[in-house]
Structure formats: C-alpha cells, structure tokens
Amino acid sequence: MNAPKKDARAAAGDVEKTTCDAHVKPPPVSAQHLRERVERAIALKLHDAERKMTPPQWREHGDWVRALVVESARDWLRSQSAKGGL
C-alpha cells in the first residue's frame, strides 16, 4: 500500500500530510481587503453586463441589473459568513 506523503513541515513535526488537508481554511482577510474584493467583483460584473447591451438597453435596464448584482454580492457574503469562510 502507498503511505501518505509527507512535506517538509510535516516531516519536521512527524505529522502526516494527506489529501484531506484541502479542507483547511485560508487565513482571514481584513475587512478592507474583503470590501475591495467585493467592489471589484461588482464593477467587473456591471462592466460585463453593460458591454453586452446597447446604450439604450443599458439606460433602460441598468438600474435593475445593478441592483441584482449588488444583491447577489450580499447573498454571497452572507453565505460565506454562514459557512465561516470570512
């Protein structure tokens, strides 16, 4: 049978590294970093949506598209927070 592989840190502490280590959460990010990340994602989504529409379409639909994108970002933040991912 194949024994689990050890990396240098694991070898030093004699702790086995397995494929199950993928569930380890990344370190927390600052509130400012998170805010910038979400604002950047919103801006990219809005830019993409606007690019796919004609100017008259964007004038007509831009408000509800913007509201949908922002609410989707809020849903994502709530979901990540509930999972302990923030």
Protein backbone atom coordinates (compact mmCIF):
# COMPACT_ATOMS: atom_id res chain seq x y z
CA MET A 1 0.00 0.00 0.00
CA ASN A 2 1.04 3.58 -0.53
CA ALA A 3 1.87 5.53 2.61
CA PRO A 4 0.65 9.14 2.80
CA LYS A 5 3.25 11.64 1.58
CA LYS A 6 4.96 14.00 3.98
CA ASP A 7 6.04 17.52 3.17
CA ALA A 8 8.96 19.29 4.88
CA ARG A 9 6.78 20.81 7.63
CA ALA A 10 5.04 17.54 8.25
CA ALA A 11 8.35 15.67 8.32
CA ALA A 12 9.75 18.07 10.91
CA GLY A 13 6.77 17.54 13.20
CA ASP A 14 6.27 13.96 12.12
CA VAL A 15 2.70 14.80 11.07
CA GLU A 16 1.34 13.03 8.03
CA LYS A 17 0.04 15.19 5.20
CA THR A 18 -2.94 13.65 3.47
CA THR A 19 -5.24 14.75 0.68
CA CYS A 20 -7.79 15.64 3.38
CA ASP A 21 -5.75 18.75 4.22
CA ALA A 22 -7.61 20.60 1.45
CA HIS A 23 -10.38 21.47 3.92
CA VAL A 24 -8.09 23.74 5.94
CA LYS A 25 -9.45 27.30 5.85
CA PRO A 26 -7.25 30.06 4.46
CA PRO A 27 -6.22 32.78 6.89
CA PRO A 28 -8.82 35.52 7.45
CA VAL A 29 -8.62 38.64 5.33
CA SER A 30 -9.05 42.20 6.53
CA ALA A 31 -12.39 43.93 6.18
CA GLN A 32 -10.79 46.46 3.82
CA HIS A 33 -9.42 43.69 1.59
CA LEU A 34 -12.81 41.95 1.53
CA ARG A 35 -14.59 45.20 0.69
CA GLU A 36 -12.18 45.90 -2.17
CA ARG A 37 -12.58 42.36 -3.48
CA VAL A 38 -16.38 42.57 -3.50
CA GLU A 39 -16.40 46.06 -5.03
CA ARG A 40 -14.03 44.87 -7.76
CA ALA A 41 -16.26 41.85 -8.48
CA ILE A 42 -19.36 44.08 -8.68
CA ALA A 43 -17.60 46.52 -11.02
CA LEU A 44 -16.48 43.68 -13.30
CA LYS A 45 -19.98 42.17 -13.45
CA LEU A 46 -21.53 45.57 -14.22
CA HIS A 47 -18.94 46.31 -16.88
CA ASP A 48 -19.58 42.92 -18.48
CA ALA A 49 -23.36 43.42 -18.42
CA GLU A 50 -23.10 46.92 -19.88
CA ARG A 51 -20.75 45.71 -22.61
CA LYS A 52 -23.29 43.09 -23.69
CA MET A 53 -26.05 45.68 -24.11
CA THR A 54 -26.58 48.61 -26.42
CA PRO A 55 -26.56 52.06 -24.78
CA PRO A 56 -30.39 52.35 -24.95
CA GLN A 57 -30.73 48.88 -23.40
CA TRP A 58 -28.32 49.79 -20.61
CA ARG A 59 -30.24 53.02 -19.89
CA GLU A 60 -33.45 51.00 -19.69
CA HIS A 61 -32.18 48.01 -17.73
CA GLY A 62 -29.05 49.26 -15.94
CA ASP A 63 -30.77 50.10 -12.66
CA TRP A 64 -32.28 46.67 -12.06
CA VAL A 65 -29.14 44.91 -13.32
CA ARG A 66 -27.07 46.95 -10.84
CA ALA A 67 -29.49 46.12 -8.02
CA LEU A 68 -29.36 42.42 -8.91
CA VAL A 69 -25.56 42.34 -8.98
CA VAL A 70 -25.27 44.14 -5.63
CA GLU A 71 -27.87 41.88 -4.00
CA SER A 72 -26.10 38.82 -5.38
CA ALA A 73 -22.86 40.05 -3.81
CA ARG A 74 -24.66 40.50 -0.49
CA ASP A 75 -26.05 36.95 -0.75
CA TRP A 76 -22.55 35.63 -1.42
CA LEU A 77 -21.19 37.48 1.62
CA ARG A 78 -23.99 36.11 3.83
CA SER A 79 -23.41 32.60 2.52
CA GLN A 80 -19.66 32.77 3.05
CA SER A 81 -20.13 34.22 6.52
CA ALA A 82 -22.57 31.45 7.48
CA LYS A 83 -20.03 28.85 6.35
CA GLY A 84 -17.31 30.55 8.40
CA GLY A 85 -15.46 31.47 5.24
CA LEU A 86 -14.87 35.13 6.08
